[in-house]
């Protein structure tokens, strides 16, 4: 009885550890899948950034389409391609 009471917190902590290790493994697999994802964007030839900043209409340049700055710039450049 005393052994079971002493063992219970250890078992609980061990279970928490196993859950965290499993969760970490899941996140690492998800991160790897995202990094390995092949986008079609690298194959798209866009107008150079200098030309975009020089020639794009103000409403396209000033638009906010994403919180991520690099993604936002890519979306604005794609919109400029559509505009042209």
N, C-alpha and C. Protein backbone atom coordinates (compact mmCIF):
# COMPACT_ATOMS: atom_id res chain seq x y z
N UNK A 1 0.82 -1.19 0.00
CA UNK A 1 0.00 0.00 0.00
C UNK A 1 0.87 1.26 0.00
N UNK A 2 1.86 1.30 0.87
CA UNK A 2 2.75 2.45 0.95
C UNK A 2 3.58 2.58 -0.32
N UNK A 3 3.97 1.44 -0.88
CA UNK A 3 4.74 1.44 -2.12
C UNK A 3 3.91 2.00 -3.27
N UNK A 4 2.63 1.63 -3.33
CA UNK A 4 1.75 2.12 -4.38
C UNK A 4 1.57 3.64 -4.28
N UNK A 5 1.44 4.15 -3.05
CA UNK A 5 1.30 5.60 -2.86
C UNK A 5 2.57 6.32 -3.28
N UNK A 6 3.71 5.77 -3.02
CA UNK A 6 4.97 6.40 -3.40
C UNK A 6 5.20 6.29 -4.91
N UNK A 7 4.68 5.23 -5.50
CA UNK A 7 4.89 4.98 -6.93
C UNK A 7 3.96 5.83 -7.80
N UNK A 8 2.80 6.21 -7.31
CA UNK A 8 1.80 6.94 -8.10
C UNK A 8 2.35 8.24 -8.69
N UNK A 9 3.02 9.12 -7.94
CA UNK A 9 3.55 10.35 -8.55
C UNK A 9 4.62 10.06 -9.61
N UNK A 10 5.41 9.03 -9.38
CA UNK A 10 6.43 8.67 -10.36
C UNK A 10 5.77 8.19 -11.65
N UNK A 11 4.73 7.37 -11.52
CA UNK A 11 4.01 6.89 -12.70
C UNK A 11 3.37 8.06 -13.45
N UNK A 12 2.78 8.99 -12.72
CA UNK A 12 2.15 10.15 -13.33
C UNK A 12 3.18 10.99 -14.09
N UNK A 13 4.32 11.23 -13.47
CA UNK A 13 5.38 12.03 -14.09
C UNK A 13 5.93 11.31 -15.32
N UNK A 14 6.09 10.00 -15.22
CA UNK A 14 6.58 9.21 -16.36
C UNK A 14 5.60 9.29 -17.52
N UNK A 15 4.31 9.20 -17.24
CA UNK A 15 3.29 9.31 -18.28
C UNK A 15 3.32 10.70 -18.92
N UNK A 16 3.47 11.73 -18.12
CA UNK A 16 3.58 13.09 -18.66
C UNK A 16 4.79 13.20 -19.58
N UNK A 17 5.91 12.63 -19.17
CA UNK A 17 7.12 12.65 -19.98
C UNK A 17 6.89 11.96 -21.31
N UNK A 18 6.28 10.79 -21.30
CA UNK A 18 6.00 10.06 -22.55
C UNK A 18 5.07 10.86 -23.46
N UNK A 19 4.09 11.51 -22.87
CA UNK A 19 3.18 12.34 -23.67
C UNK A 19 3.91 13.50 -24.32
N UNK A 20 4.80 14.14 -23.57
CA UNK A 20 5.56 15.26 -24.11
C UNK A 20 6.53 14.81 -25.20
N UNK A 21 7.15 13.67 -25.02
CA UNK A 21 8.06 13.13 -26.05
C UNK A 21 7.27 12.82 -27.31
N UNK A 22 6.08 12.24 -27.16
CA UNK A 22 5.24 11.94 -28.32
C UNK A 22 4.81 13.23 -29.02
N UNK A 23 4.42 14.24 -28.23
CA UNK A 23 4.00 15.52 -28.79
C UNK A 23 5.16 16.19 -29.54
N UNK A 24 6.35 16.15 -28.94
CA UNK A 24 7.53 16.72 -29.59
C UNK A 24 7.78 16.03 -30.92
N UNK A 25 7.70 14.72 -30.93
CA UNK A 25 7.91 13.95 -32.16
C UNK A 25 6.89 14.36 -33.22
N UNK A 26 5.65 14.53 -32.82
CA UNK A 26 4.59 14.94 -33.75
C UNK A 26 4.91 16.31 -34.35
N UNK A 27 5.32 17.26 -33.51
CA UNK A 27 5.64 18.60 -34.01
C UNK A 27 6.85 18.58 -34.94
N UNK A 28 7.87 17.80 -34.59
CA UNK A 28 9.05 17.71 -35.45
C UNK A 28 8.70 17.13 -36.82
N UNK A 29 7.82 16.14 -36.85
CA UNK A 29 7.38 15.58 -38.14
C UNK A 29 6.60 16.62 -38.94
N UNK A 30 5.75 17.39 -38.27
CA UNK A 30 4.97 18.42 -38.95
C UNK A 30 5.88 19.52 -39.50
N UNK A 31 6.88 19.91 -38.73
CA UNK A 31 7.83 20.93 -39.18
C UNK A 31 8.60 20.42 -40.39
N UNK A 32 9.05 19.17 -40.34
CA UNK A 32 9.78 18.59 -41.47
C UNK A 32 8.91 18.55 -42.72
N UNK A 33 7.65 18.16 -42.55
CA UNK A 33 6.73 18.11 -43.70
C UNK A 33 6.56 19.51 -44.31
N UNK A 34 6.47 20.54 -43.47
CA UNK A 34 6.34 21.90 -43.98
C UNK A 34 7.60 22.35 -44.70
N UNK A 35 8.75 22.03 -44.14
CA UNK A 35 10.02 22.44 -44.77
C UNK A 35 10.25 21.69 -46.08
N UNK A 36 9.78 20.46 -46.17
CA UNK A 36 9.98 19.66 -47.38
C UNK A 36 8.95 19.96 -48.47
N UNK A 37 7.92 20.74 -48.13
CA UNK A 37 6.85 21.04 -49.08
C UNK A 37 7.42 21.80 -50.27
N UNK A 38 7.13 21.31 -51.45
CA UNK A 38 7.60 21.95 -52.67
C UNK A 38 6.51 22.87 -53.20
N UNK A 39 6.79 24.16 -53.15
CA UNK A 39 5.83 25.15 -53.62
C UNK A 39 6.05 25.40 -55.10
N UNK A 40 5.01 25.88 -55.77
CA UNK A 40 5.17 26.23 -57.17
C UNK A 40 5.76 27.62 -57.33
N UNK A 41 5.84 28.39 -56.23
CA UNK A 41 6.35 29.76 -56.31
C UNK A 41 7.78 29.86 -56.82
N UNK A 42 8.71 28.97 -56.43
CA UNK A 42 10.08 29.15 -56.92
C UNK A 42 10.18 29.09 -58.45
N UNK A 43 9.22 28.47 -59.10
CA UNK A 43 9.25 28.34 -60.55
C UNK A 43 8.58 29.51 -61.25
N UNK A 44 7.92 30.39 -60.50
CA UNK A 44 7.23 31.52 -61.10
C UNK A 44 8.22 32.66 -61.27
N UNK A 45 8.30 33.17 -62.49
CA UNK A 45 9.19 34.31 -62.73
C UNK A 45 8.39 35.59 -62.54
N UNK A 46 8.68 36.29 -61.45
CA UNK A 46 7.99 37.54 -61.15
C UNK A 46 8.83 38.72 -61.59
N UNK A 47 8.16 39.85 -61.72
CA UNK A 47 8.85 41.11 -61.97
C UNK A 47 9.83 41.32 -60.81
N UNK A 48 11.04 41.77 -61.09
CA UNK A 48 12.00 42.00 -60.00
C UNK A 48 11.44 42.98 -58.96
N UNK A 49 11.90 42.82 -57.72
CA UNK A 49 11.39 43.66 -56.63
C UNK A 49 11.59 45.15 -56.91
N UNK A 50 12.74 45.51 -57.48
CA UNK A 50 13.00 46.93 -57.75
C UNK A 50 11.93 47.48 -58.70
N UNK A 51 11.61 46.70 -59.72
CA UNK A 51 10.60 47.12 -60.69
C UNK A 51 9.22 47.18 -60.04
N UNK A 52 8.95 46.22 -59.17
CA UNK A 52 7.66 46.21 -58.45
C UNK A 52 7.52 47.49 -57.64
N UNK A 53 8.55 47.83 -56.84
CA UNK A 53 8.47 49.02 -55.99
C UNK A 53 8.41 50.30 -56.82
N UNK A 54 9.00 50.27 -57.99
CA UNK A 54 9.01 51.45 -58.84
C UNK A 54 7.68 51.62 -59.59
N UNK A 55 7.12 50.51 -60.14
CA UNK A 55 6.01 50.61 -61.08
C UNK A 55 4.63 50.21 -60.54
N UNK A 56 4.57 49.49 -59.46
CA UNK A 56 3.27 48.99 -58.98
C UNK A 56 2.42 50.15 -58.47
N UNK A 57 1.11 50.07 -58.69
CA UNK A 57 0.20 51.09 -58.17
C UNK A 57 0.27 51.15 -56.64
N UNK A 58 0.02 52.32 -56.11
CA UNK A 58 0.10 52.55 -54.66
C UNK A 58 -0.82 51.61 -53.88
N UNK A 59 -2.04 51.36 -54.38
CA UNK A 59 -2.96 50.50 -53.64
C UNK A 59 -2.44 49.07 -53.54
N UNK A 60 -1.71 48.60 -54.54
CA UNK A 60 -1.13 47.25 -54.46
C UNK A 60 0.05 47.26 -53.50
N UNK A 61 0.92 48.27 -53.62
CA UNK A 61 2.10 48.33 -52.75
C UNK A 61 1.72 48.51 -51.28
N UNK A 62 0.66 49.23 -51.00
CA UNK A 62 0.28 49.52 -49.62
C UNK A 62 -0.64 48.47 -49.01
N UNK A 63 -1.10 47.51 -49.79
CA UNK A 63 -2.04 46.52 -49.26
C UNK A 63 -1.34 45.59 -48.26
N UNK A 64 -2.11 45.10 -47.31
CA UNK A 64 -1.61 44.13 -46.33
C UNK A 64 -2.42 42.86 -46.50
N UNK A 65 -1.78 41.83 -47.02
CA UNK A 65 -2.47 40.58 -47.32
C UNK A 65 -2.07 39.45 -46.38
N UNK A 66 -0.99 39.67 -45.64
CA UNK A 66 -0.48 38.65 -44.72
C UNK A 66 0.30 39.34 -43.61
N UNK A 67 0.31 38.72 -42.44
CA UNK A 67 1.08 39.27 -41.32
C UNK A 67 2.57 39.01 -41.51
N UNK A 68 2.91 37.98 -42.27
CA UNK A 68 4.31 37.66 -42.54
C UNK A 68 4.81 38.56 -43.67
N UNK A 69 5.87 39.33 -43.42
CA UNK A 69 6.31 40.34 -44.38
C UNK A 69 6.77 39.75 -45.71
N UNK A 70 7.50 38.63 -45.67
CA UNK A 70 7.97 38.02 -46.92
C UNK A 70 6.79 37.48 -47.74
N UNK A 71 5.84 36.86 -47.05
CA UNK A 71 4.65 36.33 -47.73
C UNK A 71 3.80 37.48 -48.27
N UNK A 72 3.69 38.54 -47.50
CA UNK A 72 2.93 39.70 -47.92
C UNK A 72 3.52 40.29 -49.21
N UNK A 73 4.84 40.42 -49.25
CA UNK A 73 5.50 40.95 -50.45
C UNK A 73 5.25 40.04 -51.65
N UNK A 74 5.33 38.72 -51.45
CA UNK A 74 5.09 37.77 -52.54
C UNK A 74 3.66 37.93 -53.07
N UNK A 75 2.69 38.04 -52.17
CA UNK A 75 1.30 38.20 -52.60
C UNK A 75 1.09 39.51 -53.35
N UNK A 76 1.73 40.57 -52.89
CA UNK A 76 1.60 41.86 -53.58
C UNK A 76 2.23 41.80 -54.97
N UNK A 77 3.38 41.12 -55.07
CA UNK A 77 4.02 41.00 -56.38
C UNK A 77 3.16 40.16 -57.33
N UNK A 78 2.52 39.10 -56.79
CA UNK A 78 1.62 38.30 -57.62
C UNK A 78 0.42 39.14 -58.07
N UNK A 79 -0.10 39.96 -57.18
CA UNK A 79 -1.21 40.85 -57.55
C UNK A 79 -0.78 41.84 -58.64
N UNK A 80 0.45 42.32 -58.55
CA UNK A 80 0.97 43.22 -59.57
C UNK A 80 1.07 42.50 -60.92
N UNK A 81 1.46 41.23 -60.89
CA UNK A 81 1.50 40.44 -62.12
C UNK A 81 0.10 40.35 -62.73
N UNK A 82 -0.90 40.12 -61.89
CA UNK A 82 -2.30 40.07 -62.38
C UNK A 82 -2.72 41.41 -62.94
N UNK A 83 -2.33 42.47 -62.27
CA UNK A 83 -2.68 43.82 -62.71
C UNK A 83 -2.11 44.11 -64.10
N UNK A 84 -0.88 43.65 -64.33
CA UNK A 84 -0.25 43.91 -65.62
C UNK A 84 -0.94 43.12 -66.70
